[in-house]
Amino acid sequence: MKRLFIIALSLVGMATTSAKDKIEATIGADLVSQYIWRGQNLGDFSLQPTLGVGYKGISLSA
């Protein structure tokens, strides 16, 4: 029984490790009704894109 528990725990640990090693990417866009920058109205409608990359728990988005 103890051996089966150790094997199961090892398999869960290996599955978790391999899932963290994948590079993840996210893409998105927001449509806003007004674009105001530093108090100036720069347009009625605006599309604001988003791009993100993640690896091993660290992410970067712009």
N, C-alpha and C. Protein backbone atom coordinates (compact mmCIF):
# COMPACT_ATOMS: atom_id res chain seq x y z
N MET A 1 0.83 -1.18 0.00
CA MET A 1 0.00 0.00 0.00
C MET A 1 0.88 1.26 0.00
N LYS A 2 1.96 1.22 0.78
CA LYS A 2 2.86 2.36 0.85
C LYS A 2 3.53 2.60 -0.50
N ARG A 3 3.90 1.53 -1.17
CA ARG A 3 4.54 1.64 -2.48
C ARG A 3 3.58 2.26 -3.50
N LEU A 4 2.31 1.87 -3.47
CA LEU A 4 1.31 2.42 -4.38
C LEU A 4 1.12 3.92 -4.14
N PHE A 5 1.12 4.33 -2.88
CA PHE A 5 0.99 5.74 -2.54
C PHE A 5 2.17 6.54 -3.08
N ILE A 6 3.36 6.03 -2.95
CA ILE A 6 4.56 6.72 -3.44
C ILE A 6 4.53 6.83 -4.96
N ILE A 7 4.10 5.80 -5.65
CA ILE A 7 4.00 5.84 -7.11
C ILE A 7 2.97 6.87 -7.55
N ALA A 8 1.81 6.88 -6.89
CA ALA A 8 0.76 7.83 -7.23
C ALA A 8 1.23 9.27 -6.99
N LEU A 9 1.91 9.50 -5.89
CA LEU A 9 2.42 10.83 -5.57
C LEU A 9 3.47 11.27 -6.59
N SER A 10 4.30 10.35 -7.03
CA SER A 10 5.31 10.66 -8.05
C SER A 10 4.67 11.04 -9.38
N LEU A 11 3.62 10.32 -9.77
CA LEU A 11 2.94 10.63 -11.03
C LEU A 11 2.27 12.00 -10.97
N VAL A 12 1.68 12.34 -9.85
CA VAL A 12 1.07 13.66 -9.71
C VAL A 12 2.13 14.75 -9.77
N GLY A 13 3.25 14.54 -9.15
CA GLY A 13 4.35 15.51 -9.18
C GLY A 13 4.90 15.69 -10.58
N MET A 14 5.02 14.62 -11.33
CA MET A 14 5.52 14.71 -12.70
C MET A 14 4.51 15.44 -13.60
N ALA A 15 3.23 15.20 -13.41
CA ALA A 15 2.20 15.86 -14.22
C ALA A 15 2.19 17.36 -13.93
N THR A 16 2.35 17.73 -12.68
CA THR A 16 2.36 19.14 -12.31
C THR A 16 3.58 19.83 -12.87
N THR A 17 4.73 19.19 -12.84
CA THR A 17 5.96 19.78 -13.35
C THR A 17 5.88 20.01 -14.85
N SER A 18 5.38 19.04 -15.59
CA SER A 18 5.31 19.20 -17.04
C SER A 18 4.30 20.26 -17.45
N ALA A 19 3.24 20.46 -16.68
CA ALA A 19 2.26 21.49 -17.01
C ALA A 19 2.84 22.88 -16.81
N LYS A 20 3.73 23.06 -15.84
CA LYS A 20 4.32 24.38 -15.59
C LYS A 20 5.37 24.75 -16.63
N ASP A 21 5.95 23.76 -17.31
CA ASP A 21 7.00 24.03 -18.26
C ASP A 21 6.49 24.51 -19.62
N LYS A 22 5.19 24.56 -19.81
CA LYS A 22 4.65 24.99 -21.08
C LYS A 22 4.60 26.52 -21.16
N ILE A 23 4.84 27.03 -22.34
CA ILE A 23 4.72 28.46 -22.59
C ILE A 23 3.26 28.74 -22.92
N GLU A 24 2.68 29.69 -22.22
CA GLU A 24 1.28 30.06 -22.44
C GLU A 24 1.22 31.45 -23.05
N ALA A 25 0.32 31.63 -24.00
CA ALA A 25 0.14 32.93 -24.64
C ALA A 25 -1.32 33.33 -24.54
N THR A 26 -1.56 34.61 -24.31
CA THR A 26 -2.92 35.12 -24.27
C THR A 26 -3.02 36.33 -25.20
N ILE A 27 -4.14 36.41 -25.89
CA ILE A 27 -4.41 37.52 -26.79
C ILE A 27 -5.81 38.03 -26.47
N GLY A 28 -5.96 39.33 -26.42
CA GLY A 28 -7.27 39.90 -26.15
C GLY A 28 -7.39 41.30 -26.70
N ALA A 29 -8.61 41.80 -26.69
CA ALA A 29 -8.86 43.16 -27.16
C ALA A 29 -10.08 43.70 -26.42
N ASP A 30 -10.03 44.97 -26.10
CA ASP A 30 -11.13 45.65 -25.45
C ASP A 30 -11.60 46.79 -26.35
N LEU A 31 -12.92 46.92 -26.47
CA LEU A 31 -13.51 48.03 -27.20
C LEU A 31 -14.05 49.00 -26.17
N VAL A 32 -13.54 50.23 -26.17
CA VAL A 32 -13.96 51.22 -25.18
C VAL A 32 -14.70 52.35 -25.88
N SER A 33 -15.60 53.00 -25.15
CA SER A 33 -16.44 54.03 -25.75
C SER A 33 -15.75 55.39 -25.86
N GLN A 34 -14.74 55.65 -25.02
CA GLN A 34 -13.99 56.90 -25.11
C GLN A 34 -12.53 56.62 -24.81
N TYR A 35 -11.66 57.36 -25.44
CA TYR A 35 -10.23 57.24 -25.18
C TYR A 35 -9.74 58.56 -24.59
N ILE A 36 -9.52 58.56 -23.30
CA ILE A 36 -9.08 59.77 -22.60
C ILE A 36 -7.68 59.51 -22.05
N TRP A 37 -6.72 60.35 -22.44
CA TRP A 37 -5.34 60.21 -22.00
C TRP A 37 -4.89 61.53 -21.40
N ARG A 38 -4.52 61.51 -20.14
CA ARG A 38 -4.08 62.69 -19.41
C ARG A 38 -5.08 63.85 -19.50
N GLY A 39 -6.35 63.51 -19.40
CA GLY A 39 -7.39 64.52 -19.39
C GLY A 39 -7.83 65.01 -20.75
N GLN A 40 -7.24 64.49 -21.83
CA GLN A 40 -7.60 64.92 -23.18
C GLN A 40 -8.44 63.84 -23.84
N ASN A 41 -9.53 64.24 -24.46
CA ASN A 41 -10.37 63.29 -25.19
C ASN A 41 -9.75 63.07 -26.56
N LEU A 42 -9.24 61.87 -26.81
CA LEU A 42 -8.53 61.58 -28.06
C LEU A 42 -9.34 60.73 -29.03
N GLY A 43 -10.62 60.56 -28.78
CA GLY A 43 -11.44 59.80 -29.72
C GLY A 43 -12.68 59.22 -29.06
N ASP A 44 -13.65 58.87 -29.92
CA ASP A 44 -14.89 58.31 -29.41
C ASP A 44 -14.74 56.82 -29.09
N PHE A 45 -14.41 56.01 -30.07
CA PHE A 45 -14.25 54.58 -29.86
C PHE A 45 -12.78 54.21 -30.03
N SER A 46 -12.36 53.21 -29.28
CA SER A 46 -10.97 52.78 -29.37
C SER A 46 -10.88 51.28 -29.13
N LEU A 47 -9.98 50.64 -29.84
CA LEU A 47 -9.69 49.22 -29.66
C LEU A 47 -8.35 49.11 -28.96
N GLN A 48 -8.33 48.46 -27.80
CA GLN A 48 -7.10 48.34 -27.02
C GLN A 48 -6.67 46.87 -26.96
N PRO A 49 -5.67 46.48 -27.77
CA PRO A 49 -5.23 45.08 -27.80
C PRO A 49 -4.36 44.72 -26.59
N THR A 50 -4.36 43.44 -26.26
CA THR A 50 -3.55 42.92 -25.16
C THR A 50 -2.84 41.65 -25.62
N LEU A 51 -1.56 41.53 -25.30
CA LEU A 51 -0.78 40.34 -25.62
C LEU A 51 -0.01 39.93 -24.38
N GLY A 52 -0.06 38.65 -24.03
CA GLY A 52 0.63 38.18 -22.84
C GLY A 52 1.33 36.85 -23.08
N VAL A 53 2.44 36.64 -22.38
CA VAL A 53 3.22 35.40 -22.46
C VAL A 53 3.55 34.97 -21.03
N GLY A 54 3.40 33.68 -20.73
CA GLY A 54 3.72 33.17 -19.41
C GLY A 54 4.56 31.91 -19.49
N TYR A 55 5.50 31.76 -18.55
CA TYR A 55 6.37 30.57 -18.50
C TYR A 55 6.79 30.34 -17.06
N LYS A 56 6.52 29.17 -16.56
CA LYS A 56 6.90 28.76 -15.20
C LYS A 56 6.44 29.74 -14.12
N GLY A 57 5.22 30.23 -14.24
CA GLY A 57 4.67 31.11 -13.23
C GLY A 57 5.03 32.58 -13.38
N ILE A 58 5.83 32.91 -14.38
CA ILE A 58 6.20 34.31 -14.64
C ILE A 58 5.46 34.76 -15.90
N SER A 59 4.84 35.92 -15.84
CA SER A 59 4.09 36.37 -17.02
C SER A 59 4.47 37.81 -17.36
N LEU A 60 4.32 38.11 -18.63
CA LEU A 60 4.60 39.44 -19.16
C LEU A 60 3.46 39.79 -20.11
N SER A 61 2.87 40.94 -19.92
CA SER A 61 1.78 41.34 -20.81
C SER A 61 1.92 42.81 -21.19
N ALA A 62 1.41 43.12 -22.36
CA ALA A 62 1.46 44.50 -22.85
C ALA A 62 0.18 44.79 -23.59
